[in-house]
Protein backbone atom coordinates (compact mmCIF):
# COMPACT_ATOMS: atom_id res chain seq x y z
CA MET A 1 10.89 157.16 195.57
CA GLN A 2 14.42 158.47 195.15
CA LYS A 3 14.86 156.60 191.90
CA GLY A 4 11.55 157.92 190.59
CA LEU A 5 12.49 161.50 191.44
CA MET A 6 15.83 161.15 189.69
CA TRP A 7 14.27 159.61 186.57
CA GLY A 8 11.61 162.31 186.59
CA SER A 9 14.33 164.95 186.80
CA VAL A 10 16.17 163.42 183.86
CA VAL A 11 12.98 163.26 181.77
CA VAL A 12 12.07 166.88 182.52
CA ALA A 13 15.64 168.07 181.85
CA VAL A 14 15.66 166.25 178.50
CA ALA A 15 12.25 167.72 177.63
CA ALA A 16 13.47 171.19 178.57
CA THR A 17 16.52 170.69 176.37
CA PHE A 18 14.79 169.41 173.26
CA ALA A 19 11.46 171.29 173.51
CA PRO A 20 12.10 174.45 175.53
CA ASP A 21 9.03 176.27 174.20
CA ALA A 22 6.57 173.43 174.82
CA PHE A 23 6.14 174.23 178.52
CA GLY A 24 6.90 177.48 180.28
CA TYR A 25 7.58 176.15 183.77
CA TYR A 26 10.40 173.66 183.29
CA ALA A 27 12.61 175.49 185.78
CA LEU A 28 9.91 175.45 188.44
CA VAL A 29 9.34 171.72 187.98
CA LEU A 30 13.09 171.04 188.11
CA VAL A 31 13.52 173.07 191.31
CA VAL A 32 10.57 171.29 192.96
CA LEU A 33 12.02 167.92 191.95
CA GLY A 34 15.40 168.99 193.36
CA LEU A 35 13.79 170.11 196.61
CA ALA A 36 11.99 166.77 196.88
CA ILE A 37 15.25 164.91 196.23
CA GLY A 38 17.05 166.96 198.88
CA LEU A 39 14.29 166.48 201.45
CA THR A 40 13.87 162.74 200.89
CA ASN A 41 17.60 162.02 200.80
CA PRO A 42 19.40 164.49 203.08
CA THR A 43 23.16 164.59 202.82
CA GLY A 44 24.81 164.18 206.20
CA ASP A 45 28.41 164.53 205.13
CA VAL A 46 29.69 168.12 205.04
CA ALA A 47 32.10 167.47 202.17
CA THR A 48 29.33 165.98 200.03
CA ARG A 49 27.07 168.96 200.75
CA ILE A 50 29.82 171.39 199.77
CA ALA A 51 30.45 169.41 196.58
CA GLY A 52 26.74 169.75 195.77
CA TYR A 53 26.88 173.52 196.30
CA VAL A 54 29.95 173.82 194.09
CA LEU A 55 28.43 171.60 191.40
CA ALA A 56 25.20 173.62 191.39
CA VAL A 57 27.15 176.82 190.81
CA PHE A 58 29.78 175.66 188.34
CA LEU A 59 28.07 172.91 186.30
CA PRO A 60 26.37 175.37 183.91
CA GLN A 61 29.67 177.17 183.35
CA ILE A 62 31.48 173.91 182.66
CA ALA A 63 28.66 172.76 180.38
CA ASP A 64 29.03 175.90 178.26
CA ASN A 65 32.29 174.47 176.96
CA LEU A 66 30.43 171.57 175.35
CA ASP A 67 29.00 173.90 172.70
CA VAL A 68 32.16 173.39 170.65
CA ILE A 69 31.22 169.76 169.96
CA PRO A 70 29.49 169.74 166.57
CA GLY A 71 25.95 168.43 166.50
CA VAL A 72 25.44 167.30 170.09
CA GLY A 73 27.32 169.91 172.12
CA THR A 74 24.39 172.29 172.35
CA TYR A 75 22.11 169.54 173.60
CA LEU A 76 24.65 168.30 176.16
CA ASN A 77 25.08 171.85 177.39
CA GLY A 78 21.32 172.30 177.64
CA PHE A 79 20.80 169.05 179.52
CA LEU A 80 23.58 169.73 182.04
CA SER A 81 22.40 173.30 182.55
CA GLN A 82 18.85 172.09 183.18
CA PHE A 83 20.05 169.35 185.52
CA ALA A 84 22.05 171.93 187.48
CA VAL A 85 18.68 173.40 188.49
CA VAL A 86 17.77 170.05 190.08
CA ILE A 87 21.12 169.96 191.88
CA ALA A 88 20.55 173.52 193.12
CA GLY A 89 17.13 172.55 194.47
CA ALA A 90 18.61 169.57 196.30
CA ALA A 91 21.38 171.79 197.69
CA ILE A 92 18.83 174.33 198.95
CA ALA A 93 16.80 171.58 200.63
CA ASN A 94 19.91 170.17 202.28
CA PHE A 95 20.93 173.64 203.49
CA CYS A 96 17.46 174.22 204.96
CA LEU A 97 17.53 170.84 206.73
CA VAL A 98 20.97 171.51 208.21
CA LEU A 99 19.87 174.98 209.31
CA TYR A 100 16.68 173.62 210.88
CA ASN A 101 18.53 170.81 212.68
CA GLY A 102 21.12 173.28 213.94
CA LEU A 103 18.47 175.64 215.26
CA MET A 104 16.54 172.85 216.97
CA ALA A 105 19.70 171.54 218.62
CA ALA A 106 20.95 175.01 219.61
CA GLY A 107 19.53 174.84 223.14
CA ASP A 108 20.67 171.29 223.81
CA ASP A 109 24.24 172.19 224.76
């Protein structure tokens, strides 16, 4: 399932990059795919979760620098910016799972 969600995310991100006007809800689909990825594959390591948060925030800014590459830079920027939405969805799902687990374990001390 994880592999299918990742491939689906890549396909939707590529479609959003090359045909942005063909479908108006690319961002919604990408967030839902990211949420599904985060819920089906929760990240237990704190450092990996923080790296996901940082990547979700800074990947679009880093990708903006690819526009200087003639011909393909705009498409690379678009793909990475779209894929950052998936990463953000996964980060939100992981945050919610950690919050839920912390609240459920709060009375167990």
